[in-house]
């Protein structure tokens, strides 16, 4: 008996010594009916959002369970495990596989506005009157706006009181040679979060008309990193007062970000720009904040035909993504929402982005309606994908303005090794169902297995390339 007890204690001691992190591994649960302030550690106390999962620090051996039958319209950015254990993303409960969607649904008749000649435009909720405000408005006093100039630029500024409104006035004598030569810093010290959306609203006029370069949500200090995709970010300023609304979707987190208008080499010489009625909010975005790769009608009974010029909208379901206004126009004999019960606009963004991640398992998940890759990311290893359904993926524009389209079911990019994809159902893929590829220097790809998968309606079942002459594949 004593020997048995000693043996048991020895086994426990060795297990802790060899693999201490897994001793503290935890199961977490996520449900549409959950609350992010819950512990997440039981089915009775689940979290609600993928964002909560993305922002949580996990340890090797942790398992994140998404509720079967539920769906999320958020990008999953998994955490890495280590050689002591994988981090697993899987399901719990009874029902369909938990669904990660890379699309926005626009199935309501009010989502579409008729422009004439069978052209319908997707309505945005980005207008000030329709905006879903999720934080208190910050009004920005013109007196607090900062001006920075350098190089050959010659500018001055003042605050003008006209009785009803207080305006910021910038007088430009010489615009300089580059955008950064003249900078208006509208707001400093912003606390931004990844994938959250923000909006700046202002009124402006100028003594000469000109186009503002893209307004930036950015890092306040060197290296002055741009933190966001911008919608309506390059407004045309006229000689009459107009209201402007610029939206940002943050791709980073920072407690001291700023909003900057660069005017160098764009505002004409001998011009005065006036700005007033400035406010800032966090908002809930409409979702159409980047290229739409595909439109899926009624779960795939029909799909849209993407074109790259507005004048090509001449046949039913031909659609065009308007980059300037982050919206979609489609040719349709009737309001699209009268012809179809379900309209999914696939956004050009990976549904799962595993860039620079390792020791991850995905088991029993469903991914649908993404305009980029289902699962994608560079420099990965020890990735294990099993029993997943990946459908209607790809079609987005690879390089803005070039017309090249892309989108793979699962892609391992650049350096990658020790990955497995098995027992998955992968279909309706714009490009390759499964691929490992790269264009970096001395890329190494090895020990990658694709086995026992069902693939249909993909341009390629498998695609492989390595541009590096010093690369290694085995």
Protein backbone atom coordinates (compact mmCIF):
# COMPACT_ATOMS: atom_id res chain seq x y z
CA UNK A 1 0.00 0.00 0.00
CA UNK A 2 2.80 2.41 0.93
CA UNK A 3 4.55 1.57 -2.32
CA UNK A 4 1.36 2.37 -4.25
CA UNK A 5 0.98 5.72 -2.52
CA UNK A 6 4.63 6.57 -3.12
CA UNK A 7 4.27 5.56 -6.77
CA UNK A 8 1.20 7.78 -7.17
CA UNK A 9 2.95 10.74 -5.53
CA UNK A 10 5.98 10.19 -7.75
CA UNK A 11 3.84 10.16 -10.90
CA UNK A 12 2.08 13.38 -9.87
CA UNK A 13 5.40 15.03 -9.03
CA UNK A 14 6.93 14.01 -12.35
CA UNK A 15 3.83 15.23 -14.24
CA UNK A 16 4.00 18.62 -12.57
CA UNK A 17 7.74 18.90 -13.11
CA UNK A 18 7.61 17.88 -16.77
CA UNK A 19 4.43 19.71 -17.76
CA UNK A 20 3.60 22.34 -15.13
CA UNK A 21 1.50 24.62 -17.37
CA UNK A 22 -1.09 21.97 -18.24
CA UNK A 23 -1.76 21.49 -14.51
CA UNK A 24 -3.50 24.87 -14.60
CA UNK A 25 -5.32 24.34 -17.91
CA UNK A 26 -8.95 25.44 -17.94
CA UNK A 27 -12.09 24.92 -20.03
CA UNK A 28 -13.86 28.09 -21.19
CA UNK A 29 -17.32 28.46 -22.73
CA UNK A 30 -18.75 30.97 -25.20
CA UNK A 31 -22.44 31.38 -26.07
CA UNK A 32 -24.58 33.96 -27.85
CA UNK A 33 -26.59 34.21 -24.62
CA UNK A 34 -23.50 34.68 -22.44
CA UNK A 35 -22.10 37.80 -20.79
CA UNK A 36 -18.47 38.87 -21.09
CA UNK A 37 -18.30 39.71 -17.39
CA UNK A 38 -19.01 36.05 -16.57
CA UNK A 39 -16.15 33.79 -15.54
CA UNK A 40 -16.50 31.81 -18.77
CA UNK A 41 -15.45 28.71 -16.86
CA UNK A 42 -18.70 26.76 -17.04
CA UNK A 43 -21.64 26.22 -19.36
CA UNK A 44 -23.75 28.15 -16.84
CA UNK A 45 -21.43 31.17 -16.92
CA UNK A 46 -20.29 31.59 -20.55
CA UNK A 47 -18.75 34.57 -22.28
CA UNK A 48 -20.58 36.10 -25.22
CA UNK A 49 -18.14 37.36 -27.85
CA UNK A 50 -15.15 36.25 -29.86
CA UNK A 51 -13.53 39.55 -28.93
CA UNK A 52 -13.54 38.42 -25.30
CA UNK A 53 -11.79 35.22 -26.37
CA UNK A 54 -9.25 37.17 -28.43
CA UNK A 55 -8.38 39.44 -25.52
CA UNK A 56 -7.95 36.70 -22.91
CA UNK A 57 -4.53 35.28 -22.01
CA UNK A 58 -4.68 31.49 -22.18
CA UNK A 59 -2.15 28.86 -21.13
CA UNK A 60 -1.12 25.63 -22.84
CA UNK A 61 -3.83 23.02 -22.45
CA UNK A 62 -6.73 25.47 -22.28
CA UNK A 63 -9.85 24.55 -24.27
CA UNK A 64 -12.28 27.17 -25.56
CA UNK A 65 -15.74 25.76 -26.32
CA UNK A 66 -18.18 27.60 -28.60
CA UNK A 67 -21.83 26.61 -28.20
CA UNK A 68 -23.23 24.38 -30.92
CA UNK A 69 -25.95 26.06 -32.96
CA UNK A 70 -24.67 29.58 -32.21
CA UNK A 71 -23.00 31.97 -34.67
CA UNK A 72 -20.57 34.89 -34.45
CA UNK A 73 -19.64 37.60 -36.96
CA UNK A 74 -16.19 38.29 -35.57
CA UNK A 75 -12.64 37.38 -36.54
CA UNK A 76 -10.99 34.78 -34.30
CA UNK A 77 -7.35 35.52 -33.44
CA UNK A 78 -6.20 32.44 -31.54
CA UNK A 79 -3.59 32.27 -28.81
CA UNK A 80 -0.52 30.04 -29.03
CA UNK A 81 0.12 27.05 -26.83
CA UNK A 82 3.59 25.58 -26.49
CA UNK A 83 5.45 22.28 -26.53
CA UNK A 84 3.68 21.35 -23.28
CA UNK A 85 0.21 21.59 -24.78
CA UNK A 86 -2.05 22.94 -27.49
CA UNK A 87 -4.76 25.55 -27.05
CA UNK A 88 -7.95 24.09 -28.49
CA UNK A 89 -10.96 25.83 -30.05
CA UNK A 90 -13.94 23.49 -30.27
CA UNK A 91 -17.65 23.11 -29.47
CA UNK A 92 -20.00 22.09 -26.69
CA UNK A 93 -23.65 21.14 -26.55
CA UNK A 94 -25.96 19.63 -29.14
CA UNK A 95 -26.69 21.01 -32.60
CA UNK A 96 -24.93 22.35 -35.66
CA UNK A 97 -21.26 23.15 -35.44
CA UNK A 98 -20.63 26.61 -33.98
CA UNK A 99 -20.43 29.02 -36.89
CA UNK A 100 -17.87 31.76 -37.49
CA UNK A 101 -19.10 34.08 -40.24
CA UNK A 102 -16.90 36.40 -42.27
CA UNK A 103 -19.83 38.34 -43.68
CA UNK A 104 -22.40 40.99 -42.90
CA UNK A 105 -26.05 40.19 -43.50
CA UNK A 106 -27.99 42.64 -45.64
CA UNK A 107 -31.33 40.86 -46.05
CA UNK A 108 -33.58 43.77 -45.07
CA UNK A 109 -35.28 45.82 -47.77
CA UNK A 110 -34.25 48.98 -45.93
CA UNK A 111 -30.60 48.01 -46.47
CA UNK A 112 -30.90 48.86 -50.17
CA UNK A 113 -31.65 52.16 -51.89
CA UNK A 114 -32.66 52.47 -55.53
CA UNK A 115 -30.48 54.73 -57.69
CA UNK A 116 -32.26 54.14 -60.99
CA UNK A 117 -31.48 51.99 -64.04
CA UNK A 118 -31.72 48.79 -61.96
CA UNK A 119 -28.84 49.89 -59.71
CA UNK A 120 -29.24 49.43 -55.96
CA UNK A 121 -26.79 50.80 -53.40
CA UNK A 122 -26.17 49.28 -50.00
CA UNK A 123 -27.18 51.74 -47.32
CA UNK A 124 -24.61 52.49 -44.62
CA UNK A 125 -25.33 53.27 -40.98
CA UNK A 126 -22.28 55.54 -40.94
CA UNK A 127 -24.30 58.70 -41.46
CA UNK A 128 -24.55 60.81 -38.33
CA UNK A 129 -28.33 60.46 -38.10
CA UNK A 130 -28.27 56.65 -38.27
CA UNK A 131 -25.10 55.98 -36.32
CA UNK A 132 -25.26 53.51 -33.43
CA UNK A 133 -23.35 55.35 -30.72
CA UNK A 134 -21.69 53.08 -28.15
CA UNK A 135 -19.86 55.74 -26.11
CA UNK A 136 -20.42 59.27 -24.86
CA UNK A 137 -19.70 61.95 -27.45
CA UNK A 138 -16.54 63.99 -27.03
CA UNK A 139 -16.90 67.55 -28.29
CA UNK A 140 -13.59 69.00 -29.41
CA UNK A 141 -12.98 72.68 -28.83
CA UNK A 142 -11.24 74.40 -31.77
CA UNK A 143 -9.04 76.06 -29.17
CA UNK A 144 -7.55 72.65 -28.31
CA UNK A 145 -6.57 71.72 -31.86
CA UNK A 146 -2.81 71.54 -32.31
CA UNK A 147 -0.86 72.53 -35.43
CA UNK A 148 2.47 71.06 -36.51
CA UNK A 149 4.43 72.14 -39.55
CA UNK A 150 7.89 71.48 -40.90
CA UNK A 151 9.94 71.58 -44.09
CA UNK A 152 9.19 74.42 -46.48
CA UNK A 153 5.58 74.80 -45.34
CA UNK A 154 4.38 78.17 -44.10
CA UNK A 155 1.14 78.19 -42.09
CA UNK A 156 -0.53 79.94 -39.19
CA UNK A 157 -3.72 79.32 -37.23
CA UNK A 158 -6.21 81.13 -35.05
CA UNK A 159 -9.54 80.57 -33.31
CA UNK A 160 -12.38 82.71 -34.67
CA UNK A 161 -15.54 83.59 -32.74
CA UNK A 162 -18.47 84.52 -34.96
CA UNK A 163 -21.20 84.71 -32.34
CA UNK A 164 -22.79 81.31 -32.94
CA UNK A 165 -19.86 79.02 -33.71
CA UNK A 166 -16.23 78.92 -32.77
CA UNK A 167 -14.04 77.90 -35.70
CA UNK A 168 -10.45 76.83 -36.13
CA UNK A 169 -8.86 78.67 -39.06
CA UNK A 170 -5.66 77.54 -40.75
CA UNK A 171 -4.01 79.97 -43.18
CA UNK A 172 -1.64 78.30 -45.66
CA UNK A 173 0.94 80.40 -47.47
CA UNK A 174 3.07 77.44 -48.65
CA UNK A 175 1.81 73.82 -48.46
CA UNK A 176 5.26 72.21 -48.38
CA UNK A 177 6.29 69.10 -50.28
CA UNK A 178 4.83 66.16 -48.37
CA UNK A 179 1.68 65.35 -46.39
CA UNK A 180 3.42 65.44 -43.01
CA UNK A 181 4.71 69.00 -43.58
CA UNK A 182 1.38 70.33 -42.24
CA UNK A 183 -0.54 68.38 -39.59
CA UNK A 184 -3.69 69.28 -37.68
CA UNK A 185 -3.93 67.13 -34.54
CA UNK A 186 -7.64 67.06 -33.75
CA UNK A 187 -7.58 64.82 -30.71
CA UNK A 188 -4.89 63.24 -28.52
CA UNK A 189 -4.91 60.64 -25.75
CA UNK A 190 -7.50 58.30 -27.28
CA UNK A 191 -7.95 54.85 -25.75
CA UNK A 192 -8.61 52.55 -28.72
CA UNK A 193 -9.18 48.80 -28.91
CA UNK A 194 -8.53 46.37 -31.75
CA UNK A 195 -11.53 45.80 -34.05
CA UNK A 196 -13.51 48.60 -32.39
CA UNK A 197 -14.83 51.39 -34.59
CA UNK A 198 -14.61 55.13 -34.05
CA UNK A 199 -16.01 58.18 -35.77
CA UNK A 200 -15.04 61.83 -36.09
CA UNK A 201 -17.64 64.36 -37.27
CA UNK A 202 -16.86 67.94 -38.26
CA UNK A 203 -17.94 70.83 -40.45
CA UNK A 204 -15.49 72.53 -42.79
CA UNK A 205 -15.08 74.95 -45.65
CA UNK A 206 -12.13 76.51 -47.46
CA UNK A 207 -11.43 79.60 -49.53
CA UNK A 208 -10.27 77.21 -52.29
CA UNK A 209 -11.59 73.70 -52.92
CA UNK A 210 -9.22 70.76 -52.38
CA UNK A 211 -9.14 67.11 -51.32
CA UNK A 212 -7.79 66.18 -47.88
CA UNK A 213 -5.39 63.19 -47.82
CA UNK A 214 -6.63 60.21 -45.75
CA UNK A 215 -7.26 61.26 -42.14
CA UNK A 216 -5.38 58.99 -39.72
CA UNK A 217 -6.03 57.33 -36.39
CA UNK A 218 -2.42 56.81 -35.37
CA UNK A 219 0.27 56.39 -32.75
CA UNK A 220 1.09 59.66 -30.98
CA UNK A 221 4.83 59.02 -30.90
CA UNK A 222 7.49 57.54 -33.17
CA UNK A 223 7.17 55.51 -35.37
CA UNK A 224 3.78 57.20 -35.94
CA UNK A 225 2.05 53.92 -36.85
CA UNK A 226 -1.30 54.08 -38.64
CA UNK A 227 -3.80 52.23 -36.45
CA UNK A 228 -6.90 51.86 -38.57
CA UNK A 229 -8.74 51.31 -41.79
CA UNK A 230 -10.62 54.47 -42.66
CA UNK A 231 -14.01 55.03 -44.32
CA UNK A 232 -14.78 58.30 -46.10
CA UNK A 233 -11.36 59.38 -44.89
CA UNK A 234 -10.34 61.66 -47.76
CA UNK A 235 -13.10 64.28 -48.01
CA UNK A 236 -13.43 66.96 -50.68
CA UNK A 237 -13.46 70.35 -48.99
CA UNK A 238 -15.45 73.02 -50.84
CA UNK A 239 -15.97 76.75 -50.47
CA UNK A 240 -19.30 76.14 -48.70
CA UNK A 241 -19.80 74.73 -45.21
CA UNK A 242 -20.38 70.96 -45.31
CA UNK A 243 -20.65 68.23 -42.67
CA UNK A 244 -18.19 65.34 -42.81
CA UNK A 245 -18.17 61.95 -41.10
CA UNK A 246 -15.02 59.80 -41.05
CA UNK A 247 -14.99 56.30 -39.53
CA UNK A 248 -12.06 54.19 -38.39
CA UNK A 249 -11.75 50.49 -37.56
CA UNK A 250 -8.78 50.03 -35.23
CA UNK A 251 -6.28 47.24 -35.90
CA UNK A 252 -4.33 47.76 -32.67
CA UNK A 253 -4.73 48.79 -29.04
CA UNK A 254 -3.31 51.99 -27.58
CA UNK A 255 -4.22 54.23 -24.65
CA UNK A 256 -2.67 57.29 -26.28
CA UNK A 257 -3.71 57.35 -29.95
CA UNK A 258 -4.47 60.49 -31.90
CA UNK A 259 -6.43 61.68 -34.94
CA UNK A 260 -4.36 63.62 -37.46
CA UNK A 261 -5.25 65.51 -40.64
CA UNK A 262 -2.23 65.83 -42.91
CA UNK A 263 -2.50 68.80 -45.25
CA UNK A 264 1.01 69.22 -46.62
CA UNK A 265 1.28 69.32 -50.42
CA UNK A 266 -2.53 69.16 -50.71
CA UNK A 267 -4.03 72.38 -49.38
CA UNK A 268 -3.43 75.09 -52.01
CA UNK A 269 -1.18 78.05 -51.29
CA UNK A 270 -2.90 81.23 -50.14
CA UNK A 271 -5.85 79.25 -48.76
CA UNK A 272 -7.67 79.37 -45.44
CA UNK A 273 -9.35 76.22 -44.08
CA UNK A 274 -12.10 76.57 -41.46
CA UNK A 275 -13.20 73.72 -39.16
CA UNK A 276 -15.88 73.65 -36.45
CA UNK A 277 -18.57 71.48 -34.79
CA UNK A 278 -16.09 68.68 -34.12
CA UNK A 279 -17.07 65.56 -32.15
CA UNK A 280 -15.74 62.03 -31.62
CA UNK A 281 -17.47 58.75 -30.71
CA UNK A 282 -16.92 55.05 -30.51
CA UNK A 283 -19.54 53.51 -32.80
CA UNK A 284 -20.95 50.20 -33.90
CA UNK A 285 -19.94 49.87 -37.55
CA UNK A 286 -22.20 48.87 -40.39
CA UNK A 287 -19.74 46.09 -41.17
CA UNK A 288 -18.97 47.12 -44.76
CA UNK A 289 -15.60 48.64 -43.95
CA UNK A 290 -13.46 46.91 -46.57
CA UNK A 291 -13.70 45.09 -49.88
CA UNK A 292 -16.59 42.66 -50.44
CA UNK A 293 -15.31 39.52 -52.14
CA UNK A 294 -18.60 37.78 -52.80
CA UNK A 295 -22.32 38.02 -52.15
CA UNK A 296 -24.08 34.79 -51.26
CA UNK A 297 -27.84 34.63 -51.77
CA UNK A 298 -30.10 32.16 -49.93
CA UNK A 299 -27.25 30.05 -48.51
CA UNK A 300 -25.63 29.58 -51.90
CA UNK A 301 -28.53 29.08 -54.28
CA UNK A 302 -27.02 32.00 -56.17
CA UNK A 303 -23.93 34.17 -55.81
CA UNK A 304 -22.99 37.62 -57.04
CA UNK A 305 -20.63 38.39 -59.91
CA UNK A 306 -17.92 40.84 -58.82
CA UNK A 307 -16.84 43.56 -61.26
CA UNK A 308 -14.21 46.25 -60.84
CA UNK A 309 -15.82 49.16 -62.67
CA UNK A 310 -19.19 50.70 -61.94
CA UNK A 311 -20.03 50.85 -65.65
CA UNK A 312 -19.91 47.02 -65.78
CA UNK A 313 -23.08 46.75 -63.70
CA UNK A 314 -25.27 45.54 -66.56
CA UNK A 315 -26.59 42.10 -65.56
CA UNK A 316 -28.53 40.59 -62.66
CA UNK A 317 -26.44 40.25 -59.46
CA UNK A 318 -23.35 41.92 -60.89
CA UNK A 319 -21.93 43.92 -57.99
CA UNK A 320 -19.21 46.52 -57.48
CA UNK A 321 -17.43 47.52 -54.29
CA UNK A 322 -17.10 51.31 -54.00
CA UNK A 323 -13.73 51.81 -52.28
CA UNK A 324 -14.20 55.53 -51.72
CA UNK A 325 -17.43 55.13 -49.76
CA UNK A 326 -17.09 51.57 -48.42
CA UNK A 327 -20.34 50.39 -49.91
CA UNK A 328 -21.70 48.06 -52.58
CA UNK A 329 -23.74 48.68 -55.70
CA UNK A 330 -25.58 45.85 -57.43
CA UNK A 331 -27.57 45.45 -60.63
CA UNK A 332 -30.96 43.96 -59.79
CA UNK A 333 -34.40 43.97 -61.37
CA UNK A 334 -35.92 44.51 -57.90
CA UNK A 335 -34.75 45.31 -54.41
CA UNK A 336 -32.36 42.38 -53.72
CA UNK A 337 -34.06 41.75 -50.38
CA UNK A 338 -37.34 41.17 -52.22
CA UNK A 339 -35.73 38.53 -54.43
CA UNK A 340 -33.84 36.66 -51.70
CA UNK A 341 -34.46 35.78 -48.07
CA UNK A 342 -30.78 35.83 -47.15
CA UNK A 343 -28.02 38.13 -48.46
CA UNK A 344 -24.51 37.66 -47.05
CA UNK A 345 -21.76 40.10 -48.08
CA UNK A 346 -18.40 38.34 -47.63
CA UNK A 347 -15.82 40.78 -46.24
CA UNK A 348 -12.20 40.49 -47.44
CA UNK A 349 -10.72 39.45 -44.12
CA UNK A 350 -9.57 36.06 -42.79
CA UNK A 351 -12.23 34.44 -40.63
CA UNK A 352 -9.42 33.03 -38.46
CA UNK A 353 -6.11 34.92 -38.47
CA UNK A 354 -3.37 32.79 -36.95
CA UNK A 355 -0.37 34.89 -38.00
CA UNK A 356 2.77 34.02 -35.98
CA UNK A 357 0.85 31.45 -33.90
CA UNK A 358 1.62 27.84 -32.97
CA UNK A 359 0.36 24.82 -31.04
CA UNK A 360 -3.32 25.37 -31.84
CA UNK A 361 -6.14 22.89 -32.47
CA UNK A 362 -9.43 23.68 -34.20
CA UNK A 363 -11.97 20.88 -33.90
CA UNK A 364 -15.60 20.80 -34.97
CA UNK A 365 -16.04 24.42 -36.09
CA UNK A 366 -17.84 25.82 -39.16
CA UNK A 367 -16.51 28.79 -41.14
CA UNK A 368 -18.58 30.48 -43.85
CA UNK A 369 -18.84 33.48 -46.13
CA UNK A 370 -15.40 35.07 -45.94
CA UNK A 371 -13.89 37.17 -48.73
CA UNK A 372 -10.26 36.27 -47.90
CA UNK A 373 -9.10 32.97 -46.32
CA UNK A 374 -11.06 30.73 -44.00
CA UNK A 375 -7.98 30.07 -41.87
CA UNK A 376 -4.86 32.03 -42.80
CA UNK A 377 -1.67 33.50 -41.48
CA UNK A 378 2.08 33.48 -41.95
CA UNK A 379 4.83 31.83 -39.91
CA UNK A 380 2.86 29.12 -38.13
CA UNK A 381 3.66 25.68 -36.79
CA UNK A 382 1.96 22.84 -34.94
CA UNK A 383 -1.51 23.75 -36.23
CA UNK A 384 -4.09 20.94 -36.19
CA UNK A 385 -7.42 21.41 -37.99
CA UNK A 386 -9.94 18.57 -37.76
CA UNK A 387 -13.66 17.98 -38.38
CA UNK A 388 -14.23 21.55 -39.58
CA UNK A 389 -16.59 22.76 -42.32
CA UNK A 390 -15.22 25.60 -44.46
CA UNK A 391 -17.51 26.93 -47.20
CA UNK A 392 -17.99 29.93 -49.52
CA UNK A 393 -14.57 31.45 -49.04
CA UNK A 394 -12.62 34.01 -51.10
CA UNK A 395 -13.15 36.37 -53.99
CA UNK A 396 -11.72 39.52 -52.42
CA UNK A 397 -9.28 41.84 -54.16
CA UNK A 398 -5.69 40.98 -53.26
CA UNK A 399 -4.12 44.37 -54.06
CA UNK A 400 -6.39 47.41 -54.13
CA UNK A 401 -6.90 48.66 -57.67
CA UNK A 402 -5.24 45.69 -59.39
CA UNK A 403 -8.28 43.46 -59.90
CA UNK A 404 -6.48 40.32 -58.64
CA UNK A 405 -8.77 38.12 -56.53
CA UNK A 406 -7.82 35.52 -53.96
CA UNK A 407 -9.08 33.38 -51.08
CA UNK A 408 -8.19 29.88 -49.87
CA UNK A 409 -9.97 27.53 -47.50
CA UNK A 410 -6.89 27.00 -45.33
CA UNK A 411 -3.57 28.67 -46.12
CA UNK A 412 -0.20 28.24 -44.39
CA UNK A 413 1.92 31.17 -45.55
CA UNK A 414 5.72 31.46 -45.59
CA UNK A 415 7.58 29.54 -42.86
CA UNK A 416 5.37 26.73 -41.60
CA UNK A 417 5.79 23.19 -40.31
CA UNK A 418 4.21 20.33 -38.37
CA UNK A 419 0.63 21.09 -39.41
CA UNK A 420 -2.27 18.69 -39.97
CA UNK A 421 -5.62 19.19 -41.73
CA UNK A 422 -7.89 16.15 -41.53
CA UNK A 423 -11.52 15.06 -41.79
CA UNK A 424 -12.68 18.51 -42.95
CA UNK A 425 -15.39 19.42 -45.48
CA UNK A 426 -14.11 22.24 -47.70
CA UNK A 427 -16.12 23.57 -50.63
CA UNK A 428 -17.14 26.58 -52.71
CA UNK A 429 -13.65 28.08 -52.50
CA UNK A 430 -12.54 30.84 -54.89
CA UNK A 431 -8.92 29.65 -55.04
CA UNK A 432 -7.38 26.63 -53.30
CA UNK A 433 -9.07 24.48 -50.69
CA UNK A 434 -5.73 23.68 -49.03
CA UNK A 435 -2.38 25.34 -49.60
CA UNK A 436 1.05 26.03 -48.20
CA UNK A 437 2.90 28.75 -50.06
CA UNK A 438 5.28 31.66 -49.61
CA UNK A 439 7.37 34.37 -51.23
CA UNK A 440 9.83 35.23 -48.46
CA UNK A 441 13.56 34.56 -48.25
CA UNK A 442 14.76 31.01 -47.51
CA UNK A 443 11.25 29.82 -46.65
CA UNK A 444 11.05 26.43 -44.92
CA UNK A 445 7.89 24.33 -45.11
CA UNK A 446 7.85 20.74 -43.88
CA UNK A 447 5.84 18.03 -42.08
CA UNK A 448 2.50 19.25 -43.42
CA UNK A 449 -0.27 16.66 -43.82
CA UNK A 450 -3.61 16.98 -45.64
CA UNK A 451 -5.54 13.75 -45.13
CA UNK A 452 -9.08 12.36 -45.31
CA UNK A 453 -10.70 15.66 -46.32
CA UNK A 454 -13.69 16.10 -48.64
CA UNK A 455 -13.20 18.92 -51.17
CA UNK A 456 -15.56 20.26 -53.85
CA UNK A 457 -15.98 23.29 -56.11
CA UNK A 458 -12.56 24.81 -55.52
CA UNK A 459 -10.25 26.17 -58.23
CA UNK A 460 -7.63 23.79 -56.85
CA UNK A 461 -7.91 21.08 -54.24
CA UNK A 462 -4.26 21.68 -53.34
CA UNK A 463 -1.89 24.49 -54.25
CA UNK A 464 1.79 24.72 -53.39
CA UNK A 465 4.53 27.19 -54.25
CA UNK A 466 7.70 28.54 -52.71
CA UNK A 467 9.26 31.47 -54.56
CA UNK A 468 12.45 31.37 -52.52
CA UNK A 469 15.39 29.87 -54.45
CA UNK A 470 16.92 28.99 -51.08
CA UNK A 471 13.66 27.59 -49.76
CA UNK A 472 13.16 24.13 -48.32
CA UNK A 473 10.14 21.88 -48.66
CA UNK A 474 9.85 18.32 -47.51
